Amino acid sequence: MNTTESIISIGIDVSKKTLAVACMMENRTATHESIGNDEKSIAALMTSISMSMKNPHIPIVIESTGDFHLLSSLMLREGGFAVKCINPVISKELERRDVRGAKTGKWCQVNGVRYLFCR
């Protein structure tokens, strides 16, 4: 994640072997990176996003997937990041509508993966 823009939102899609990391930048452009779901790759990600975040309290949203999200969630949390694990069933419902049944949310699709970003 080599960029001069500051990260304002991060979403991570988890699978057994990889993490698809999408970041929304200050200028509302999105970046995407696929990394290994292992300690070395997650540690490198932590270093990279630390350098690109002005606010360390920006939530990193991770969709819980079996127990494959545990390593990244725990490492990021122990590194001082604000980690939010969300249920994939609930996130799909949020994608469709709000409580009034209207479409809502700012979604970004990067390489076929959709992420909800805070406004």
C-alpha atoms as a PDB file:
ATOM      1  CA  MET A   1       0.000   0.000   0.000  1.00  0.00           C
ATOM      2  CA  ASN A   2       2.381   2.630  -1.181  1.00  0.00           C
ATOM      3  CA  THR A   3       0.438   5.869  -1.243  1.00  0.00           C
ATOM      4  CA  THR A   4       0.667   9.476  -0.160  1.00  0.00           C
ATOM      5  CA  GLU A   5      -3.073   9.642   0.647  1.00  0.00           C
ATOM      6  CA  SER A   6      -4.294   8.808   4.133  1.00  0.00           C
ATOM      7  CA  ILE A   7      -6.514   5.766   4.681  1.00  0.00           C
ATOM      8  CA  ILE A   8     -10.002   6.590   5.989  1.00  0.00           C
ATOM      9  CA  SER A   9     -11.553   3.110   5.964  1.00  0.00           C
ATOM     10  CA  ILE A  10     -10.402  -0.510   5.667  1.00  0.00           C
ATOM     11  CA  GLY A  11     -12.327  -3.669   4.827  1.00  0.00           C
ATOM     12  CA  ILE A  12     -10.878  -7.180   4.840  1.00  0.00           C
ATOM     13  CA  ASP A  13     -12.452 -10.214   3.190  1.00  0.00           C
ATOM     14  CA  VAL A  14     -11.067 -13.403   4.740  1.00  0.00           C
ATOM     15  CA  SER A  15     -10.451 -16.821   3.255  1.00  0.00           C
ATOM     16  CA  LYS A  16      -8.415 -19.779   4.476  1.00  0.00           C
ATOM     17  CA  LYS A  17      -5.185 -18.772   2.704  1.00  0.00           C
ATOM     18  CA  THR A  18      -5.612 -15.099   1.783  1.00  0.00           C
ATOM     19  CA  LEU A  19      -6.911 -11.744   2.991  1.00  0.00           C
ATOM     20  CA  ALA A  20      -8.350  -9.338   0.415  1.00  0.00           C
ATOM     21  CA  VAL A  21      -7.660  -5.892   1.869  1.00  0.00           C
ATOM     22  CA  ALA A  22      -9.476  -2.852   0.470  1.00  0.00           C
ATOM     23  CA  CYS A  23      -8.730   0.675   1.657  1.00  0.00           C
ATOM     24  CA  MET A  24     -10.692   3.842   1.004  1.00  0.00           C
ATOM     25  CA  MET A  25      -8.373   6.812   0.716  1.00  0.00           C
ATOM     26  CA  GLU A  26      -9.038  10.480   1.581  1.00  0.00           C
ATOM     27  CA  ASN A  27      -9.660  11.301  -2.073  1.00  0.00           C
ATOM     28  CA  ARG A  28     -12.365   8.552  -2.178  1.00  0.00           C
ATOM     29  CA  THR A  29     -10.325   6.215  -4.339  1.00  0.00           C
ATOM     30  CA  ALA A  30      -9.968   2.594  -3.300  1.00  0.00           C
ATOM     31  CA  THR A  31      -6.875   0.424  -3.225  1.00  0.00           C
ATOM     32  CA  HIS A  32      -6.817  -3.348  -3.101  1.00  0.00           C
ATOM     33  CA  GLU A  33      -4.195  -5.839  -2.033  1.00  0.00           C
ATOM     34  CA  SER A  34      -4.318  -9.585  -1.548  1.00  0.00           C
ATOM     35  CA  ILE A  35      -1.999 -10.955   1.137  1.00  0.00           C
ATOM     36  CA  GLY A  36      -1.428 -14.275   2.843  1.00  0.00           C
ATOM     37  CA  ASN A  37      -3.491 -15.179   5.888  1.00  0.00           C
ATOM     38  CA  ASP A  38      -0.370 -15.790   7.981  1.00  0.00           C
ATOM     39  CA  GLU A  39       1.563 -13.986  10.723  1.00  0.00           C
ATOM     40  CA  LYS A  40       4.320 -12.605   8.488  1.00  0.00           C
ATOM     41  CA  SER A  41       1.912 -11.120   5.911  1.00  0.00           C
ATOM     42  CA  ILE A  42      -0.374  -9.658   8.572  1.00  0.00           C
ATOM     43  CA  ALA A  43       2.589  -8.070  10.381  1.00  0.00           C
ATOM     44  CA  ALA A  44       3.699  -6.461   7.099  1.00  0.00           C
ATOM     45  CA  LEU A  45       0.139  -5.208   6.529  1.00  0.00           C
ATOM     46  CA  MET A  46       0.089  -3.672  10.013  1.00  0.00           C
ATOM     47  CA  THR A  47       3.294  -1.771   9.291  1.00  0.00           C
ATOM     48  CA  SER A  48       1.987  -0.597   5.932  1.00  0.00           C
ATOM     49  CA  ILE A  49      -1.375   0.661   7.163  1.00  0.00           C
ATOM     50  CA  SER A  50       0.186   2.280  10.243  1.00  0.00           C
ATOM     51  CA  MET A  51       2.175   4.547   7.946  1.00  0.00           C
ATOM     52  CA  SER A  52      -0.928   5.471   5.916  1.00  0.00           C
ATOM     53  CA  MET A  53      -3.409   6.157   8.736  1.00  0.00           C
ATOM     54  CA  LYS A  54      -3.690   9.593  10.313  1.00  0.00           C
ATOM     55  CA  ASN A  55      -6.230   8.260  12.801  1.00  0.00           C
ATOM     56  CA  PRO A  56      -5.428   4.880  14.399  1.00  0.00           C
ATOM     57  CA  HIS A  57      -9.039   4.568  15.599  1.00  0.00           C
ATOM     58  CA  ILE A  58     -10.469   4.108  12.098  1.00  0.00           C
ATOM     59  CA  PRO A  59     -12.286   0.765  12.189  1.00  0.00           C
ATOM     60  CA  ILE A  60     -10.887  -2.155  10.273  1.00  0.00           C
ATOM     61  CA  VAL A  61     -13.963  -4.156   9.289  1.00  0.00           C
ATOM     62  CA  ILE A  62     -13.385  -7.903   8.917  1.00  0.00           C
ATOM     63  CA  GLU A  63     -16.091 -10.306   7.777  1.00  0.00           C
ATOM     64  CA  SER A  64     -15.993 -13.299  10.091  1.00  0.00           C
ATOM     65  CA  THR A  65     -15.465 -16.486   8.086  1.00  0.00           C
ATOM     66  CA  GLY A  66     -15.408 -19.649  10.154  1.00  0.00           C
ATOM     67  CA  ASP A  67     -12.296 -19.283  12.265  1.00  0.00           C
ATOM     68  CA  PHE A  68     -10.139 -17.992   9.391  1.00  0.00           C
ATOM     69  CA  HIS A  69     -10.568 -14.375  10.580  1.00  0.00           C
ATOM     70  CA  LEU A  70      -9.208 -15.037  14.078  1.00  0.00           C
ATOM     71  CA  LEU A  71      -5.476 -14.637  13.380  1.00  0.00           C
ATOM     72  CA  SER A  72      -5.852 -11.324  11.547  1.00  0.00           C
ATOM     73  CA  SER A  73      -8.424  -9.990  14.021  1.00  0.00           C
ATOM     74  CA  LEU A  74      -6.301 -10.814  17.056  1.00  0.00           C
ATOM     75  CA  MET A  75      -3.030  -9.555  15.572  1.00  0.00           C
ATOM     76  CA  LEU A  76      -4.577  -6.276  14.427  1.00  0.00           C
ATOM     77  CA  ARG A  77      -6.344  -5.791  17.752  1.00  0.00           C
ATOM     78  CA  GLU A  78      -3.139  -6.496  19.714  1.00  0.00           C
ATOM     79  CA  GLY A  79      -1.392  -4.004  17.412  1.00  0.00           C
ATOM     80  CA  GLY A  80      -3.738  -1.262  18.619  1.00  0.00           C
ATOM     81  CA  PHE A  81      -6.123  -1.154  15.655  1.00  0.00           C
ATOM     82  CA  ALA A  82      -9.901  -0.795  16.023  1.00  0.00           C
ATOM     83  CA  VAL A  83     -11.072  -4.145  14.659  1.00  0.00           C
ATOM     84  CA  LYS A  84     -14.759  -4.763  13.984  1.00  0.00           C
ATOM     85  CA  CYS A  85     -15.830  -8.284  13.028  1.00  0.00           C
ATOM     86  CA  ILE A  86     -19.125  -8.469  11.205  1.00  0.00           C
ATOM     87  CA  ASN A  87     -21.377 -11.385  10.383  1.00  0.00           C
ATOM     88  CA  PRO A  88     -21.423 -11.964   6.586  1.00  0.00           C
ATOM     89  CA  VAL A  89     -25.168 -12.694   6.646  1.00  0.00           C
ATOM     90  CA  ILE A  90     -25.855  -9.365   8.333  1.00  0.00           C
ATOM     91  CA  SER A  91     -23.517  -7.471   6.000  1.00  0.00           C
ATOM     92  CA  LYS A  92     -25.361  -8.866   2.969  1.00  0.00           C
ATOM     93  CA  GLU A  93     -28.655  -7.691   4.472  1.00  0.00           C
ATOM     94  CA  LEU A  94     -27.200  -4.240   5.206  1.00  0.00           C
ATOM     95  CA  GLU A  95     -26.056  -4.071   1.610  1.00  0.00           C
ATOM     96  CA  ARG A  96     -29.642  -4.515   0.456  1.00  0.00           C
ATOM     97  CA  ARG A  97     -31.562  -2.118   2.709  1.00  0.00           C
ATOM     98  CA  ASP A  98     -31.884  -0.072   5.847  1.00  0.00           C
ATOM     99  CA  VAL A  99     -34.690  -0.449   8.403  1.00  0.00           C
ATOM    100  CA  ARG A 100     -37.118   1.371   6.108  1.00  0.00           C
ATOM    101  CA  GLY A 101     -36.401  -0.961   3.193  1.00  0.00           C
ATOM    102  CA  ALA A 102     -34.485   1.655   1.189  1.00  0.00           C
ATOM    103  CA  LYS A 103     -31.079   0.982  -0.341  1.00  0.00           C
ATOM    104  CA  THR A 104     -28.337   2.505   1.756  1.00  0.00           C
ATOM    105  CA  GLY A 105     -24.595   2.594   2.395  1.00  0.00           C
ATOM    106  CA  LYS A 106     -21.541   3.546   0.404  1.00  0.00           C
ATOM    107  CA  TRP A 107     -20.278   0.344  -1.175  1.00  0.00           C
ATOM    108  CA  CYS A 108     -17.143  -0.092  -3.209  1.00  0.00           C
ATOM    109  CA  GLN A 109     -16.447  -3.080  -5.410  1.00  0.00           C
ATOM    110  CA  VAL A 110     -12.796  -3.985  -5.851  1.00  0.00           C
ATOM    111  CA  ASN A 111     -11.845  -7.084  -7.849  1.00  0.00           C
ATOM    112  CA  GLY A 112     -15.284  -8.595  -7.350  1.00  0.00           C
ATOM    113  CA  VAL A 113     -15.326  -8.053  -3.579  1.00  0.00           C
ATOM    114  CA  ARG A 114     -17.747  -5.481  -2.143  1.00  0.00           C
ATOM    115  CA  TYR A 115     -16.848  -3.394   0.910  1.00  0.00           C
ATOM    116  CA  LEU A 116     -18.959  -1.025   2.994  1.00  0.00           C
ATOM    117  CA  PHE A 117     -17.120   2.177   3.854  1.00  0.00           C
ATOM    118  CA  CYS A 118     -17.990   4.638   6.585  1.00  0.00           C
ATOM    119  CA  ARG A 119     -18.957   8.051   5.305  1.00  0.00           C
END
